[in-house]
Amino acid sequence: MTRADLLQVVPATARYADDLAQLHAGLFAEPWSAASLGELLAHPGALAFLVLAGPAPTGGRRQEVAGFVLGRLAADEAEILTLGVASAWQRRGLGRRLLEEVVRAATARGARRLYLEVGAGNSAARALYGVRGFEESGRRRGYYVRPGLPAEDAVNLSLAL
């Protein structure tokens, strides 16, 4: 059995808030707390999925959270708030699987358009979204400001569902 055989995409629930906070902190400059993630996951409009890696819980070893996508739904619009894949699992199609899952769920819940925002310099993410058909719908100049780095534009993308 390969590592890829041990992956499953499941709905994210508040019980995973600590794991998600830890993974988010390792991936993003401004990490979200377990409390804020728990609140998002408990919201009825949440669109949240994660990839679990490793043997099934009955196998005796705790599964690793290898990636996640967190979003929300309001009326007929959905938004991806954050999507991340643990460095050990990147470049293996997990981001694409998570993106497809949130597109499917948003569509099933009546969304007609899906939005997200990404740093202009995040070429891997922009490629992922571009392949799926997201188109640039706006730009926030100098939106991302990080100590010691030049300001970066936020690119707004959207996808008709």
Protein backbone atom coordinates (compact mmCIF):
# COMPACT_ATOMS: atom_id res chain seq x y z
CA MET A 1 0.00 0.00 0.00
CA THR A 2 1.32 3.46 -0.91
CA ARG A 3 0.92 6.71 1.03
CA ALA A 4 -1.66 7.83 -1.56
CA ASP A 5 -3.80 4.78 -0.72
CA LEU A 6 -4.07 6.00 2.86
CA LEU A 7 -5.68 9.36 2.07
CA GLN A 8 -9.29 10.25 2.61
CA VAL A 9 -11.15 13.55 2.26
CA VAL A 10 -13.65 14.05 5.09
CA PRO A 11 -15.75 16.92 6.42
CA ALA A 12 -13.81 19.01 8.93
CA THR A 13 -15.46 19.32 12.31
CA ALA A 14 -14.62 21.29 15.45
CA ARG A 15 -12.82 18.23 16.86
CA TYR A 16 -10.03 18.93 14.35
CA ALA A 17 -9.61 22.61 15.34
CA ASP A 18 -6.31 22.05 17.20
CA ASP A 19 -4.81 20.00 14.34
CA LEU A 20 -5.94 22.59 11.80
CA ALA A 21 -4.52 25.46 13.85
CA GLN A 22 -1.16 23.70 14.08
CA LEU A 23 -1.03 22.99 10.34
CA HIS A 24 -2.25 26.51 9.48
CA ALA A 25 0.49 28.03 11.66
CA GLY A 26 3.11 26.06 9.75
CA LEU A 27 1.83 27.27 6.40
CA PHE A 28 0.74 30.89 6.83
CA ALA A 29 2.35 34.04 8.22
CA GLU A 30 -0.80 34.97 10.14
CA PRO A 31 -2.05 31.73 11.71
CA TRP A 32 -5.59 31.23 12.88
CA SER A 33 -6.24 30.08 16.44
CA ALA A 34 -7.94 26.81 17.31
CA ALA A 35 -10.75 28.86 18.88
CA SER A 36 -11.42 30.84 15.70
CA LEU A 37 -11.24 27.68 13.60
CA GLY A 38 -13.66 25.95 15.96
CA GLU A 39 -16.12 28.83 15.60
CA LEU A 40 -15.88 28.68 11.80
CA LEU A 41 -16.34 24.91 11.74
CA ALA A 42 -19.42 25.16 13.98
CA HIS A 43 -21.09 27.76 11.74
CA PRO A 44 -23.99 26.38 9.65
CA GLY A 45 -22.58 28.04 6.51
CA ALA A 46 -19.18 26.39 6.84
CA LEU A 47 -17.71 24.53 3.89
CA ALA A 48 -14.82 22.64 5.44
CA PHE A 49 -12.91 19.54 4.46
CA LEU A 50 -9.63 17.95 5.33
CA VAL A 51 -7.43 15.19 4.06
CA LEU A 52 -6.54 12.54 6.60
CA ALA A 53 -3.42 10.50 5.96
CA GLY A 54 -2.44 7.25 7.56
CA PRO A 55 -4.18 4.08 8.61
CA ALA A 56 -7.82 4.08 9.61
CA PRO A 57 -8.40 4.92 13.28
CA THR A 58 -8.91 1.21 13.99
CA GLY A 59 -5.30 0.66 12.85
CA GLY A 60 -4.07 1.99 16.17
CA ARG A 61 -2.25 5.09 14.91
CA ARG A 62 -3.79 8.55 14.86
CA GLN A 63 -4.37 9.91 11.39
CA GLU A 64 -2.42 12.97 10.28
CA VAL A 65 -4.20 16.04 8.90
CA ALA A 66 -2.38 16.41 5.58
CA GLY A 67 -4.43 19.29 4.18
CA PHE A 68 -7.57 21.35 4.54
CA VAL A 69 -9.91 23.74 2.83
CA LEU A 70 -12.11 26.09 4.82
CA GLY A 71 -14.84 28.22 3.35
CA ARG A 72 -18.29 29.56 3.93
CA LEU A 73 -21.59 29.88 2.14
CA ALA A 74 -23.92 32.87 2.22
CA ALA A 75 -27.06 32.83 0.09
CA ASP A 76 -25.93 31.78 -3.41
CA GLU A 77 -22.26 32.71 -3.00
CA ALA A 78 -19.42 30.74 -1.48
CA GLU A 79 -15.92 31.77 -0.50
CA ILE A 80 -12.76 29.80 0.11
CA LEU A 81 -11.11 31.38 3.15
CA THR A 82 -8.00 29.23 3.29
CA LEU A 83 -6.60 26.09 1.70
CA GLY A 84 -3.36 24.45 2.74
CA VAL A 85 -1.43 21.22 2.35
CA ALA A 86 1.33 20.07 4.72
CA SER A 87 4.75 20.40 3.12
CA ALA A 88 5.32 16.63 3.21
CA TRP A 89 2.17 16.16 1.13
CA GLN A 90 2.51 19.00 -1.38
CA ARG A 91 2.67 18.35 -5.13
CA ARG A 92 0.61 15.15 -4.81
CA GLY A 93 -2.80 16.43 -5.91
CA LEU A 94 -4.25 17.05 -2.45
CA GLY A 95 -4.94 20.72 -3.12
CA ARG A 96 -6.84 19.76 -6.27
CA ARG A 97 -8.85 17.13 -4.37
CA LEU A 98 -9.76 19.62 -1.66
CA LEU A 99 -10.70 22.26 -4.21
CA GLU A 100 -12.96 19.81 -6.05
CA GLU A 101 -14.62 18.82 -2.79
CA VAL A 102 -15.44 22.42 -1.84
CA VAL A 103 -16.71 23.14 -5.39
CA ARG A 104 -18.94 20.07 -5.18
CA ALA A 105 -20.27 20.98 -1.74
CA ALA A 106 -20.88 24.64 -2.62
CA THR A 107 -22.74 23.64 -5.77
CA ALA A 108 -24.84 21.08 -3.86
CA ARG A 109 -25.80 23.77 -1.34
CA GLY A 110 -26.98 26.18 -4.04
CA ALA A 111 -23.97 28.44 -4.60
CA ARG A 112 -23.76 29.98 -8.05
CA ARG A 113 -20.30 31.52 -7.69
CA LEU A 114 -17.22 30.68 -5.65
CA TYR A 115 -14.71 33.37 -4.62
CA LEU A 116 -11.25 33.37 -3.13
CA GLU A 117 -8.24 35.58 -2.68
CA VAL A 118 -4.60 34.66 -3.22
CA GLY A 119 -1.26 36.44 -3.04
CA ALA A 120 -0.13 37.62 -6.47
CA GLY A 121 3.21 35.85 -5.96
CA ASN A 122 1.73 32.49 -4.97
CA SER A 123 2.29 30.84 -8.34
CA ALA A 124 1.45 27.30 -7.18
CA ALA A 125 -1.95 28.33 -5.85
CA ARG A 126 -2.69 30.54 -8.84
CA ALA A 127 -1.88 27.64 -11.17
CA LEU A 128 -4.20 25.32 -9.22
CA TYR A 129 -7.08 27.77 -9.37
CA GLY A 130 -6.41 28.68 -13.00
CA VAL A 131 -6.55 25.05 -14.12
CA ARG A 132 -9.94 24.74 -12.38
CA GLY A 133 -11.24 27.77 -14.30
CA PHE A 134 -11.07 30.56 -11.72
CA GLU A 135 -10.70 33.98 -13.30
CA GLU A 136 -9.31 37.20 -11.86
CA SER A 137 -12.15 39.46 -10.74
CA GLY A 138 -10.20 42.13 -8.88
CA ARG A 139 -7.00 43.06 -7.13
CA ARG A 140 -6.15 44.71 -3.81
CA ARG A 141 -2.89 46.58 -4.30
CA GLY A 142 -0.35 46.07 -1.51
CA TYR A 143 -2.85 44.14 0.61
CA TYR A 144 -0.46 41.63 2.18
CA VAL A 145 2.09 43.42 4.37
CA ARG A 146 4.66 41.28 6.16
CA PRO A 147 7.63 42.49 8.18
CA GLY A 148 10.80 42.64 6.11
CA LEU A 149 9.06 41.87 2.83
CA PRO A 150 7.60 44.11 0.14
CA ALA A 151 3.83 44.48 0.13
CA GLU A 152 2.07 42.00 -2.13
CA ASP A 153 -1.15 42.37 -4.08
CA ALA A 154 -4.12 40.17 -3.25
CA VAL A 155 -5.70 38.76 -6.39
CA ASN A 156 -9.45 38.14 -6.21
CA LEU A 157 -10.58 35.11 -8.19
CA SER A 158 -14.03 33.74 -8.91
CA LEU A 159 -15.57 30.68 -10.52
CA ALA A 160 -19.09 30.34 -11.91
CA LEU A 161 -20.68 27.15 -10.55
